[in-house]
């Protein structure tokens, strides 16, 4: 599930714009995308092979001196809207 730079940038921009519209005086967004692969050998033979993909977003908003942070691995628009309103 590797995402391209444009996809990640759009998600970041959407969250920043939405936070500002909802009254945040400042906001920061971190979107991360990583892939991990593990290969195990036993007695010089392939024993196990695993691959995992991780896509996550962390949003920090400020209203005056109050700070709120939340993160999720669900980057669907509906979920982002819910995270930013709560």
N, C-alpha and C. Protein backbone atom coordinates (compact mmCIF):
# COMPACT_ATOMS: atom_id res chain seq x y z
N UNK A 1 0.82 -1.18 0.00
CA UNK A 1 0.00 0.00 0.00
C UNK A 1 0.88 1.25 0.00
N UNK A 2 1.94 1.26 -0.74
CA UNK A 2 2.82 2.41 -0.79
C UNK A 2 2.10 3.54 -1.52
N UNK A 3 2.07 4.70 -0.89
CA UNK A 3 1.41 5.86 -1.47
C UNK A 3 2.44 6.83 -2.01
N UNK A 4 2.05 7.54 -3.06
CA UNK A 4 2.99 8.50 -3.64
C UNK A 4 2.97 9.82 -2.87
N UNK A 5 3.95 10.64 -3.16
CA UNK A 5 4.13 11.91 -2.47
C UNK A 5 2.90 12.82 -2.62
N UNK A 6 2.31 12.83 -3.79
CA UNK A 6 1.14 13.69 -4.03
C UNK A 6 -0.03 13.29 -3.13
N UNK A 7 -0.28 12.01 -2.99
CA UNK A 7 -1.36 11.51 -2.13
C UNK A 7 -1.13 11.96 -0.69
N UNK A 8 0.09 11.79 -0.20
CA UNK A 8 0.41 12.15 1.18
C UNK A 8 0.31 13.66 1.40
N UNK A 9 0.75 14.43 0.42
CA UNK A 9 0.67 15.89 0.50
C UNK A 9 -0.78 16.36 0.53
N UNK A 10 -1.64 15.74 -0.28
CA UNK A 10 -3.06 16.11 -0.30
C UNK A 10 -3.71 15.84 1.05
N UNK A 11 -3.40 14.71 1.67
CA UNK A 11 -3.95 14.38 2.99
C UNK A 11 -3.50 15.40 4.04
N UNK A 12 -2.23 15.78 3.98
CA UNK A 12 -1.69 16.76 4.91
C UNK A 12 -2.36 18.11 4.74
N UNK A 13 -2.47 18.57 3.51
CA UNK A 13 -3.10 19.86 3.23
C UNK A 13 -4.56 19.88 3.65
N UNK A 14 -5.26 18.78 3.38
CA UNK A 14 -6.68 18.70 3.76
C UNK A 14 -6.83 18.87 5.27
N UNK A 15 -6.01 18.18 6.05
CA UNK A 15 -6.10 18.25 7.51
C UNK A 15 -5.75 19.64 8.04
N UNK A 16 -4.72 20.26 7.48
CA UNK A 16 -4.35 21.61 7.91
C UNK A 16 -5.45 22.61 7.61
N UNK A 17 -6.02 22.54 6.42
CA UNK A 17 -7.10 23.46 6.03
C UNK A 17 -8.33 23.25 6.91
N UNK A 18 -8.70 22.00 7.14
CA UNK A 18 -9.88 21.67 7.94
C UNK A 18 -9.69 22.15 9.39
N UNK A 19 -8.51 21.95 9.96
CA UNK A 19 -8.24 22.39 11.33
C UNK A 19 -8.38 23.91 11.45
N UNK A 20 -7.86 24.63 10.49
CA UNK A 20 -7.95 26.10 10.51
C UNK A 20 -9.41 26.55 10.39
N UNK A 21 -10.18 25.90 9.51
CA UNK A 21 -11.60 26.24 9.35
C UNK A 21 -12.40 25.98 10.62
N UNK A 22 -11.96 25.00 11.41
CA UNK A 22 -12.65 24.65 12.64
C UNK A 22 -12.19 25.49 13.83
N UNK A 23 -11.26 26.43 13.60
CA UNK A 23 -10.88 27.36 14.65
C UNK A 23 -9.52 27.17 15.27
N UNK A 24 -8.73 26.27 14.76
CA UNK A 24 -7.39 26.07 15.32
C UNK A 24 -6.53 27.30 15.02
N UNK A 25 -5.80 27.75 16.05
CA UNK A 25 -4.90 28.88 15.82
C UNK A 25 -3.61 28.42 15.15
N UNK A 26 -3.30 27.13 15.30
CA UNK A 26 -2.14 26.54 14.64
C UNK A 26 -2.36 25.03 14.57
N UNK A 27 -1.67 24.37 13.64
CA UNK A 27 -1.82 22.92 13.50
C UNK A 27 -0.57 22.36 12.82
N UNK A 28 -0.30 21.10 13.13
CA UNK A 28 0.77 20.39 12.43
C UNK A 28 0.27 18.99 12.10
N UNK A 29 0.75 18.47 10.98
CA UNK A 29 0.32 17.16 10.51
C UNK A 29 1.55 16.39 10.07
N UNK A 30 1.61 15.13 10.48
CA UNK A 30 2.68 14.23 10.06
C UNK A 30 2.03 13.01 9.43
N UNK A 31 2.39 12.74 8.18
CA UNK A 31 1.90 11.54 7.50
C UNK A 31 3.11 10.65 7.26
N UNK A 32 3.00 9.40 7.67
CA UNK A 32 4.12 8.48 7.49
C UNK A 32 3.68 7.25 6.71
N UNK A 33 4.57 6.76 5.90
CA UNK A 33 4.32 5.59 5.08
C UNK A 33 5.59 4.74 5.12
N UNK A 34 5.47 3.52 5.62
CA UNK A 34 6.66 2.67 5.71
C UNK A 34 6.34 1.24 5.29
N UNK A 35 7.38 0.56 4.85
CA UNK A 35 7.28 -0.84 4.45
C UNK A 35 8.39 -1.60 5.18
N UNK A 36 8.03 -2.74 5.74
CA UNK A 36 8.99 -3.56 6.45
C UNK A 36 8.94 -4.98 5.90
N UNK A 37 10.11 -5.54 5.65
CA UNK A 37 10.19 -6.91 5.16
C UNK A 37 11.13 -7.72 6.04
N UNK A 38 10.70 -8.92 6.39
CA UNK A 38 11.50 -9.82 7.21
C UNK A 38 11.58 -11.18 6.53
N UNK A 39 12.79 -11.70 6.43
CA UNK A 39 13.00 -13.02 5.84
C UNK A 39 13.81 -13.84 6.84
N UNK A 40 13.30 -15.01 7.20
CA UNK A 40 13.98 -15.90 8.15
C UNK A 40 14.38 -17.20 7.45
N UNK A 41 15.60 -17.61 7.73
CA UNK A 41 16.10 -18.88 7.20
C UNK A 41 16.36 -19.83 8.36
N UNK A 42 16.13 -21.09 8.12
CA UNK A 42 16.41 -22.13 9.11
C UNK A 42 17.07 -23.30 8.38
N UNK A 43 18.22 -23.70 8.88
CA UNK A 43 18.99 -24.76 8.23
C UNK A 43 19.23 -24.44 6.75
N UNK A 44 19.56 -23.21 6.49
CA UNK A 44 19.87 -22.71 5.15
C UNK A 44 18.73 -22.82 4.17
N UNK A 45 17.49 -22.89 4.69
CA UNK A 45 16.30 -22.90 3.84
C UNK A 45 15.34 -21.82 4.32
N UNK A 46 14.63 -21.26 3.35
CA UNK A 46 13.65 -20.23 3.69
C UNK A 46 12.62 -20.81 4.64
N UNK A 47 12.47 -20.17 5.78
CA UNK A 47 11.52 -20.62 6.80
C UNK A 47 10.27 -19.75 6.82
N UNK A 48 10.48 -18.45 6.69
CA UNK A 48 9.36 -17.52 6.80
C UNK A 48 9.71 -16.21 6.11
N UNK A 49 8.71 -15.60 5.50
CA UNK A 49 8.88 -14.30 4.86
C UNK A 49 7.64 -13.46 5.15
N UNK A 50 7.85 -12.26 5.68
CA UNK A 50 6.74 -11.37 6.02
C UNK A 50 6.99 -9.98 5.47
N UNK A 51 5.89 -9.33 5.12
CA UNK A 51 5.95 -7.94 4.66
C UNK A 51 4.80 -7.19 5.31
N UNK A 52 5.09 -6.00 5.79
CA UNK A 52 4.03 -5.19 6.38
C UNK A 52 4.15 -3.76 5.86
N UNK A 53 3.00 -3.16 5.62
CA UNK A 53 2.92 -1.77 5.20
C UNK A 53 2.23 -0.98 6.31
N UNK A 54 2.70 0.23 6.55
CA UNK A 54 2.09 1.07 7.57
C UNK A 54 1.90 2.46 7.00
N UNK A 55 0.67 2.94 7.07
CA UNK A 55 0.34 4.29 6.65
C UNK A 55 -0.41 4.92 7.80
N UNK A 56 0.08 6.05 8.30
CA UNK A 56 -0.54 6.67 9.47
C UNK A 56 -0.45 8.19 9.37
N UNK A 57 -1.35 8.84 10.12
CA UNK A 57 -1.35 10.30 10.18
C UNK A 57 -1.44 10.72 11.64
N UNK A 58 -0.69 11.75 11.99
CA UNK A 58 -0.75 12.35 13.32
C UNK A 58 -1.08 13.82 13.16
N UNK A 59 -2.09 14.27 13.89
CA UNK A 59 -2.55 15.65 13.79
C UNK A 59 -2.46 16.30 15.16
N UNK A 60 -1.82 17.45 15.23
CA UNK A 60 -1.75 18.23 16.46
C UNK A 60 -2.36 19.59 16.18
N UNK A 61 -3.33 19.98 16.99
CA UNK A 61 -3.97 21.28 16.82
C UNK A 61 -3.81 22.10 18.09
N UNK A 62 -3.80 23.41 17.91
CA UNK A 62 -3.69 24.35 19.01
C UNK A 62 -4.82 25.36 18.91
N UNK A 63 -5.45 25.63 20.04
CA UNK A 63 -6.41 26.72 20.14
C UNK A 63 -5.95 27.53 21.35
N UNK A 64 -5.34 28.67 21.06
CA UNK A 64 -4.73 29.44 22.13
C UNK A 64 -3.60 28.63 22.76
N UNK A 65 -3.69 28.38 24.08
CA UNK A 65 -2.66 27.62 24.77
C UNK A 65 -3.05 26.15 24.92
N UNK A 66 -4.18 25.76 24.38
CA UNK A 66 -4.63 24.37 24.47
C UNK A 66 -4.11 23.58 23.28
N UNK A 67 -3.70 22.35 23.56
CA UNK A 67 -3.12 21.49 22.52
C UNK A 67 -3.87 20.17 22.51
N UNK A 68 -4.11 19.65 21.31
CA UNK A 68 -4.75 18.35 21.15
C UNK A 68 -3.99 17.56 20.08
N UNK A 69 -3.75 16.29 20.35
CA UNK A 69 -3.06 15.43 19.38
C UNK A 69 -3.84 14.14 19.20
N UNK A 70 -3.86 13.66 17.98
CA UNK A 70 -4.55 12.41 17.66
C UNK A 70 -3.86 11.78 16.47
N UNK A 71 -3.91 10.46 16.40
CA UNK A 71 -3.32 9.77 15.24
C UNK A 71 -4.22 8.62 14.83
N UNK A 72 -4.07 8.21 13.57
CA UNK A 72 -4.89 7.14 13.02
C UNK A 72 -4.19 6.52 11.83
N UNK A 73 -4.53 5.28 11.57
CA UNK A 73 -4.03 4.62 10.36
C UNK A 73 -5.12 4.60 9.28
N UNK A 74 -6.26 5.19 9.58
CA UNK A 74 -7.36 5.28 8.63
C UNK A 74 -7.36 6.68 8.04
N UNK A 75 -6.95 6.81 6.78
CA UNK A 75 -6.85 8.11 6.14
C UNK A 75 -8.02 8.45 5.23
N UNK A 76 -9.13 7.75 5.38
CA UNK A 76 -10.32 8.09 4.60
C UNK A 76 -10.84 9.46 5.04
N UNK A 77 -11.38 10.21 4.10
CA UNK A 77 -11.87 11.57 4.37
C UNK A 77 -12.86 11.59 5.54
N UNK A 78 -13.78 10.64 5.57
CA UNK A 78 -14.79 10.60 6.63
C UNK A 78 -14.14 10.44 8.00
N UNK A 79 -13.11 9.62 8.09
CA UNK A 79 -12.41 9.42 9.36
C UNK A 79 -11.64 10.68 9.76
N UNK A 80 -10.98 11.31 8.80
CA UNK A 80 -10.23 12.54 9.10
C UNK A 80 -11.17 13.62 9.60
N UNK A 81 -12.35 13.72 8.99
CA UNK A 81 -13.34 14.70 9.44
C UNK A 81 -13.75 14.44 10.87
N UNK A 82 -13.96 13.18 11.21
CA UNK A 82 -14.35 12.81 12.57
C UNK A 82 -13.23 13.12 13.55
N UNK A 83 -12.00 12.82 13.20
CA UNK A 83 -10.87 13.09 14.08
C UNK A 83 -10.70 14.57 14.35
N UNK A 84 -10.90 15.38 13.34
CA UNK A 84 -10.67 16.82 13.48
C UNK A 84 -11.80 17.52 14.23
N UNK A 85 -12.99 16.97 14.23
CA UNK A 85 -14.11 17.59 14.92
C UNK A 85 -14.08 17.24 16.40
N UNK A 86 -13.65 16.03 16.74
CA UNK A 86 -13.71 15.58 18.13
C UNK A 86 -12.71 16.25 18.97
